[in-house]
Each structure stands twice: as C-alpha cells, then as structure tokens.
Amino acid sequence: MAEPSREQLRELQARLQQLQQELQEQLQLSKSATAAVTLDQTLVGRVSRMDAMQQQSVAISAREKAQTRLRKVNIALAAMESGDYGYCTRCDAGIGYGRLRAQPEARLCIACQDSVDRQ
C-alpha cells in the first residue's frame, strides 16, 4: 500500500487534532455520568437504583474507551512530530493511507493487526 503523501499527512494530522479535541470534550462531559449513584426519592418517575447503576456502568465503559482512544490519538500525534507516523510498530512497513484515513490513530498495518486479532 502506498504511504500517505504530504498533503494526506496534513489532512490526517488535522483529523487527529480534531479527534483529540472531541475526545477531551467527551471526557469532560462524562465526568458527572460516572459519579457515584445517588437516588433522589422525591423525584416523580424516579429511576430505580439498579437502572441508575446500569447507566453508570455504561457511562464508565464509554469513558474508558474514550480515554484509551485519546491515548492512541496522542501517541499518533507524537509519532507525527517525530516523523514515525504511518509506519507499523510491529513490522515497520508503511501503513496505507486508506487505513489511516479510516483509523488515523492506527499503529499497525492491516497484516499485523489481522495477526494480533487472531491471537
């Protein structure tokens, strides 16, 4: 697969920066959703404690996924600064533009990712 051109790298950098900002905002907004569950018994149509705990669990899971993706985005931006972006961290082959466009924080080429997924 062809490695990204300079123009494509600029596009990918802008996308990574946009993702970084979106994820940071998502994490900021999700803080309250992951707080300890308290139930206000005075509310009409109140949510049961189990429902509230389930919603909290879903919010925690989403927050953890956002944190993981933000770490990957930050690593990709750092790799871009050092000139290592777009190369597989496992086999050192170039990662194709199509893969990077779909997942700009990708650190593995398709073949290596497929191998990891099978393990």
N, C-alpha and C. Protein backbone atom coordinates (compact mmCIF):
# COMPACT_ATOMS: atom_id res chain seq x y z
N MET A 1 0.83 -1.19 0.00
CA MET A 1 0.00 0.00 0.00
C MET A 1 0.87 1.25 0.00
N ALA A 2 0.38 2.24 -0.67
CA ALA A 2 1.13 3.47 -0.78
C ALA A 2 1.07 4.26 0.53
N GLU A 3 2.21 4.79 0.91
CA GLU A 3 2.27 5.62 2.11
C GLU A 3 1.61 6.97 1.81
N PRO A 4 1.12 7.64 2.83
CA PRO A 4 0.45 8.92 2.62
C PRO A 4 1.40 9.99 2.08
N SER A 5 0.86 10.84 1.21
CA SER A 5 1.62 11.99 0.70
C SER A 5 1.66 13.06 1.78
N ARG A 6 2.42 14.12 1.53
CA ARG A 6 2.50 15.23 2.50
C ARG A 6 1.12 15.85 2.73
N GLU A 7 0.38 16.02 1.64
CA GLU A 7 -0.97 16.60 1.76
C GLU A 7 -1.88 15.69 2.59
N GLN A 8 -1.77 14.41 2.34
CA GLN A 8 -2.58 13.45 3.10
C GLN A 8 -2.17 13.44 4.57
N LEU A 9 -0.88 13.58 4.83
CA LEU A 9 -0.41 13.64 6.22
C LEU A 9 -0.96 14.87 6.94
N ARG A 10 -1.02 15.99 6.24
CA ARG A 10 -1.61 17.20 6.84
C ARG A 10 -3.09 16.98 7.15
N GLU A 11 -3.78 16.33 6.24
CA GLU A 11 -5.19 16.01 6.46
C GLU A 11 -5.35 15.08 7.68
N LEU A 12 -4.49 14.08 7.77
CA LEU A 12 -4.55 13.14 8.89
C LEU A 12 -4.21 13.83 10.21
N GLN A 13 -3.25 14.74 10.17
CA GLN A 13 -2.90 15.50 11.38
C GLN A 13 -4.08 16.34 11.85
N ALA A 14 -4.75 17.00 10.91
CA ALA A 14 -5.93 17.80 11.26
C ALA A 14 -7.02 16.91 11.85
N ARG A 15 -7.20 15.73 11.27
CA ARG A 15 -8.21 14.79 11.78
C ARG A 15 -7.85 14.32 13.19
N LEU A 16 -6.58 14.03 13.42
CA LEU A 16 -6.13 13.60 14.75
C LEU A 16 -6.34 14.71 15.78
N GLN A 17 -6.05 15.94 15.40
CA GLN A 17 -6.24 17.06 16.31
C GLN A 17 -7.72 17.27 16.61
N GLN A 18 -8.55 17.09 15.59
CA GLN A 18 -10.00 17.20 15.80
C GLN A 18 -10.49 16.09 16.73
N LEU A 19 -10.02 14.87 16.51
CA LEU A 19 -10.38 13.74 17.37
C LEU A 19 -9.94 13.99 18.81
N GLN A 20 -8.73 14.51 18.96
CA GLN A 20 -8.20 14.81 20.29
C GLN A 20 -9.12 15.78 21.02
N GLN A 21 -9.53 16.83 20.35
CA GLN A 21 -10.41 17.82 20.96
C GLN A 21 -11.77 17.21 21.30
N GLU A 22 -12.34 16.45 20.37
CA GLU A 22 -13.64 15.82 20.61
C GLU A 22 -13.60 14.86 21.80
N LEU A 23 -12.54 14.07 21.88
CA LEU A 23 -12.42 13.11 22.97
C LEU A 23 -12.22 13.81 24.31
N GLN A 24 -11.43 14.87 24.32
CA GLN A 24 -11.25 15.63 25.55
C GLN A 24 -12.56 16.23 26.02
N GLU A 25 -13.35 16.76 25.08
CA GLU A 25 -14.66 17.32 25.44
C GLU A 25 -15.60 16.23 25.94
N GLN A 26 -15.58 15.07 25.28
CA GLN A 26 -16.42 13.95 25.70
C GLN A 26 -16.06 13.51 27.12
N LEU A 27 -14.78 13.44 27.40
CA LEU A 27 -14.34 13.03 28.74
C LEU A 27 -14.75 14.06 29.79
N GLN A 28 -14.66 15.31 29.44
CA GLN A 28 -15.06 16.36 30.37
C GLN A 28 -16.56 16.27 30.67
N LEU A 29 -17.36 16.06 29.64
CA LEU A 29 -18.81 15.98 29.81
C LEU A 29 -19.25 14.71 30.55
N SER A 30 -18.46 13.65 30.43
CA SER A 30 -18.86 12.38 31.03
C SER A 30 -18.50 12.25 32.50
N LYS A 31 -17.79 13.22 33.04
CA LYS A 31 -17.39 13.13 34.45
C LYS A 31 -18.58 12.91 35.38
N SER A 32 -19.63 13.69 35.19
CA SER A 32 -20.78 13.58 36.10
C SER A 32 -21.53 12.27 35.93
N ALA A 33 -21.52 11.71 34.73
CA ALA A 33 -22.25 10.46 34.49
C ALA A 33 -21.59 9.26 35.16
N THR A 34 -20.32 9.40 35.52
CA THR A 34 -19.62 8.28 36.14
C THR A 34 -19.49 8.45 37.65
N ALA A 35 -20.09 9.50 38.19
CA ALA A 35 -20.04 9.74 39.64
C ALA A 35 -20.85 8.67 40.37
N ALA A 36 -20.65 8.59 41.66
CA ALA A 36 -21.37 7.62 42.48
C ALA A 36 -22.88 7.82 42.32
N VAL A 37 -23.59 6.72 42.30
CA VAL A 37 -25.04 6.76 42.12
C VAL A 37 -25.72 7.19 43.40
N THR A 38 -26.51 8.25 43.30
CA THR A 38 -27.36 8.67 44.42
C THR A 38 -28.77 8.74 43.87
N LEU A 39 -29.70 8.36 44.68
CA LEU A 39 -31.08 8.30 44.22
C LEU A 39 -31.92 9.27 45.01
N ASP A 40 -32.53 10.19 44.31
CA ASP A 40 -33.41 11.18 44.95
C ASP A 40 -34.82 10.60 44.99
N GLN A 41 -35.24 10.19 46.16
CA GLN A 41 -36.53 9.53 46.33
C GLN A 41 -37.70 10.49 46.14
N THR A 42 -37.44 11.78 46.08
CA THR A 42 -38.53 12.76 45.94
C THR A 42 -38.93 13.00 44.50
N LEU A 43 -38.16 12.51 43.55
CA LEU A 43 -38.48 12.75 42.14
C LEU A 43 -39.64 11.87 41.69
N VAL A 44 -40.52 12.46 40.91
CA VAL A 44 -41.61 11.70 40.32
C VAL A 44 -41.05 10.96 39.12
N GLY A 45 -41.42 9.70 38.96
CA GLY A 45 -40.90 8.92 37.85
C GLY A 45 -39.43 8.61 38.04
N ARG A 46 -38.99 8.46 39.27
CA ARG A 46 -37.57 8.24 39.55
C ARG A 46 -37.07 6.92 38.96
N VAL A 47 -35.83 6.90 38.70
CA VAL A 47 -35.18 5.73 38.14
C VAL A 47 -34.80 4.81 39.29
N SER A 48 -34.99 3.54 39.12
CA SER A 48 -34.62 2.62 40.18
C SER A 48 -33.10 2.63 40.36
N ARG A 49 -32.67 2.23 41.51
CA ARG A 49 -31.23 2.19 41.80
C ARG A 49 -30.50 1.28 40.81
N MET A 50 -31.10 0.17 40.45
CA MET A 50 -30.45 -0.75 39.51
C MET A 50 -30.30 -0.09 38.13
N ASP A 51 -31.33 0.62 37.68
CA ASP A 51 -31.23 1.31 36.40
C ASP A 51 -30.15 2.38 36.44
N ALA A 52 -30.09 3.11 37.53
CA ALA A 52 -29.08 4.15 37.68
C ALA A 52 -27.67 3.54 37.68
N MET A 53 -27.53 2.41 38.35
CA MET A 53 -26.22 1.74 38.39
C MET A 53 -25.85 1.20 37.00
N GLN A 54 -26.83 0.71 36.26
CA GLN A 54 -26.56 0.21 34.92
C GLN A 54 -26.13 1.37 34.01
N GLN A 55 -26.82 2.50 34.11
CA GLN A 55 -26.46 3.68 33.32
C GLN A 55 -25.05 4.14 33.67
N GLN A 56 -24.73 4.09 34.96
CA GLN A 56 -23.39 4.48 35.39
C GLN A 56 -22.35 3.53 34.80
N SER A 57 -22.65 2.24 34.79
CA SER A 57 -21.73 1.25 34.25
C SER A 57 -21.47 1.49 32.76
N VAL A 58 -22.52 1.79 32.03
CA VAL A 58 -22.38 2.10 30.60
C VAL A 58 -21.54 3.36 30.41
N ALA A 59 -21.78 4.37 31.24
CA ALA A 59 -21.03 5.62 31.15
C ALA A 59 -19.55 5.40 31.46
N ILE A 60 -19.27 4.56 32.45
CA ILE A 60 -17.87 4.26 32.81
C ILE A 60 -17.18 3.55 31.65
N SER A 61 -17.87 2.58 31.04
CA SER A 61 -17.30 1.85 29.91
C SER A 61 -17.01 2.79 28.74
N ALA A 62 -17.95 3.67 28.43
CA ALA A 62 -17.75 4.63 27.34
C ALA A 62 -16.59 5.58 27.65
N ARG A 63 -16.49 5.98 28.90
CA ARG A 63 -15.40 6.87 29.31
C ARG A 63 -14.04 6.17 29.16
N GLU A 64 -13.97 4.91 29.57
CA GLU A 64 -12.72 4.16 29.44
C GLU A 64 -12.31 4.01 27.98
N LYS A 65 -13.29 3.76 27.11
CA LYS A 65 -12.99 3.64 25.68
C LYS A 65 -12.49 4.98 25.12
N ALA A 66 -13.11 6.07 25.55
CA ALA A 66 -12.68 7.40 25.10
C ALA A 66 -11.26 7.70 25.59
N GLN A 67 -10.95 7.32 26.84
CA GLN A 67 -9.61 7.54 27.38
C GLN A 67 -8.57 6.74 26.60
N THR A 68 -8.91 5.49 26.27
CA THR A 68 -7.99 4.64 25.51
C THR A 68 -7.75 5.22 24.12
N ARG A 69 -8.82 5.66 23.48
CA ARG A 69 -8.66 6.23 22.14
C ARG A 69 -7.89 7.54 22.19
N LEU A 70 -8.12 8.36 23.21
CA LEU A 70 -7.37 9.60 23.35
C LEU A 70 -5.88 9.32 23.52
N ARG A 71 -5.54 8.30 24.30
CA ARG A 71 -4.12 7.93 24.44
C ARG A 71 -3.53 7.56 23.08
N LYS A 72 -4.26 6.79 22.28
CA LYS A 72 -3.79 6.39 20.96
C LYS A 72 -3.63 7.60 20.04
N VAL A 73 -4.57 8.51 20.11
CA VAL A 73 -4.50 9.73 19.30
C VAL A 73 -3.28 10.55 19.70
N ASN A 74 -3.04 10.69 20.99
CA ASN A 74 -1.87 11.44 21.47
C ASN A 74 -0.57 10.77 21.02
N ILE A 75 -0.53 9.44 21.05
CA ILE A 75 0.66 8.71 20.58
C ILE A 75 0.86 8.96 19.09
N ALA A 76 -0.23 8.94 18.32
CA ALA A 76 -0.13 9.17 16.87
C ALA A 76 0.36 10.59 16.58
N LEU A 77 -0.14 11.58 17.33
CA LEU A 77 0.33 12.95 17.13
C LEU A 77 1.81 13.09 17.48
N ALA A 78 2.24 12.41 18.54
CA ALA A 78 3.66 12.44 18.91
C ALA A 78 4.50 11.76 17.82
N ALA A 79 4.01 10.66 17.26
CA ALA A 79 4.72 9.97 16.18
C ALA A 79 4.81 10.85 14.94
N MET A 80 3.77 11.64 14.72
CA MET A 80 3.78 12.56 13.58
C MET A 80 4.88 13.61 13.77
N GLU A 81 5.00 14.10 15.00
CA GLU A 81 6.04 15.11 15.31
C GLU A 81 7.44 14.53 15.13
N SER A 82 7.62 13.26 15.48
CA SER A 82 8.95 12.65 15.39
C SER A 82 9.25 12.07 14.02
N GLY A 83 8.24 12.05 13.13
CA GLY A 83 8.46 11.51 11.79
C GLY A 83 8.22 10.01 11.70
N ASP A 84 7.71 9.40 12.75
CA ASP A 84 7.48 7.96 12.77
C ASP A 84 6.03 7.58 12.43
N TYR A 85 5.20 8.56 12.19
CA TYR A 85 3.78 8.30 11.93
C TYR A 85 3.61 7.60 10.59
N GLY A 86 2.67 6.66 10.57
CA GLY A 86 2.36 5.97 9.32
C GLY A 86 3.17 4.72 9.09
N TYR A 87 3.95 4.30 10.09
CA TYR A 87 4.72 3.08 10.00
C TYR A 87 4.28 2.11 11.08
N CYS A 88 4.15 0.85 10.70
CA CYS A 88 3.71 -0.19 11.61
C CYS A 88 4.73 -0.36 12.74
N THR A 89 4.25 -0.37 13.97
CA THR A 89 5.15 -0.51 15.11
C THR A 89 5.60 -1.96 15.30
N ARG A 90 5.03 -2.87 14.54
CA ARG A 90 5.40 -4.27 14.67
C ARG A 90 6.38 -4.70 13.58
N CYS A 91 6.08 -4.35 12.31
CA CYS A 91 6.94 -4.80 11.20
C CYS A 91 7.65 -3.65 10.49
N ASP A 92 7.35 -2.41 10.86
CA ASP A 92 7.96 -1.20 10.32
C ASP A 92 7.59 -0.90 8.87
N ALA A 93 6.60 -1.62 8.35
CA ALA A 93 6.13 -1.33 6.99
C ALA A 93 5.24 -0.09 7.03
N GLY A 94 5.10 0.56 5.90
CA GLY A 94 4.22 1.71 5.83
C GLY A 94 2.76 1.28 5.96
N ILE A 95 2.00 2.09 6.68
CA ILE A 95 0.56 1.84 6.81
C ILE A 95 -0.13 2.62 5.71
N GLY A 96 -0.97 1.99 4.96
CA GLY A 96 -1.63 2.62 3.82
C GLY A 96 -2.54 3.77 4.23
N TYR A 97 -2.67 4.72 3.31
CA TYR A 97 -3.49 5.90 3.56
C TYR A 97 -4.94 5.53 3.86
N GLY A 98 -5.46 4.55 3.16
CA GLY A 98 -6.84 4.13 3.39
C GLY A 98 -7.09 3.70 4.82
N ARG A 99 -6.17 2.94 5.37
CA ARG A 99 -6.29 2.50 6.77
C ARG A 99 -6.18 3.70 7.71
N LEU A 100 -5.22 4.57 7.45
CA LEU A 100 -5.03 5.73 8.32
C LEU A 100 -6.21 6.69 8.22
N ARG A 101 -6.81 6.77 7.06
CA ARG A 101 -7.97 7.64 6.90
C ARG A 101 -9.14 7.10 7.72
N ALA A 102 -9.30 5.78 7.73
CA ALA A 102 -10.39 5.16 8.48
C ALA A 102 -10.11 5.18 9.98
N GLN A 103 -8.85 5.02 10.34
CA GLN A 103 -8.46 4.98 11.76
C GLN A 103 -7.10 5.69 11.88
N PRO A 104 -7.12 7.02 11.99
CA PRO A 104 -5.86 7.77 11.95
C PRO A 104 -4.91 7.46 13.11
N GLU A 105 -5.39 6.87 14.17
CA GLU A 105 -4.51 6.52 15.29
C GLU A 105 -3.93 5.11 15.18
N ALA A 106 -4.18 4.43 14.05
CA ALA A 106 -3.69 3.07 13.85
C ALA A 106 -2.18 3.01 13.98
N ARG A 107 -1.70 1.99 14.69
CA ARG A 107 -0.27 1.81 14.88
C ARG A 107 0.26 0.56 14.19
N LEU A 108 -0.67 -0.25 13.67
CA LEU A 108 -0.29 -1.49 12.99
C LEU A 108 -0.83 -1.50 11.56
N CYS A 109 -0.08 -2.10 10.65
CA CYS A 109 -0.58 -2.28 9.29
C CYS A 109 -1.69 -3.33 9.33
N ILE A 110 -2.39 -3.49 8.24
CA ILE A 110 -3.51 -4.43 8.19
C ILE A 110 -3.05 -5.85 8.51
N ALA A 111 -1.94 -6.29 7.92
CA ALA A 111 -1.47 -7.66 8.14
C ALA A 111 -1.14 -7.92 9.61
N CYS A 112 -0.44 -6.99 10.24
CA CYS A 112 -0.09 -7.16 11.65
C CYS A 112 -1.33 -7.07 12.54
N GLN A 113 -2.25 -6.17 12.22
CA GLN A 113 -3.47 -6.05 13.01
C GLN A 113 -4.29 -7.33 12.89
N ASP A 114 -4.35 -7.89 11.69
CA ASP A 114 -5.07 -9.15 11.49
C ASP A 114 -4.44 -10.26 12.31
N SER A 115 -3.13 -10.30 12.34
CA SER A 115 -2.41 -11.30 13.13
C SER A 115 -2.69 -11.16 14.61
N VAL A 116 -2.68 -9.92 15.10
CA VAL A 116 -2.96 -9.64 16.52
C VAL A 116 -4.40 -10.04 16.85
N ASP A 117 -5.33 -9.70 15.96
CA ASP A 117 -6.74 -10.01 16.19
C ASP A 117 -6.99 -11.51 16.26
N ARG A 118 -6.23 -12.29 15.52
CA ARG A 118 -6.41 -13.75 15.52
C ARG A 118 -5.86 -14.41 16.77
N GLN A 119 -4.94 -13.73 17.45
CA GLN A 119 -4.32 -14.34 18.64
C GLN A 119 -5.19 -14.32 19.80
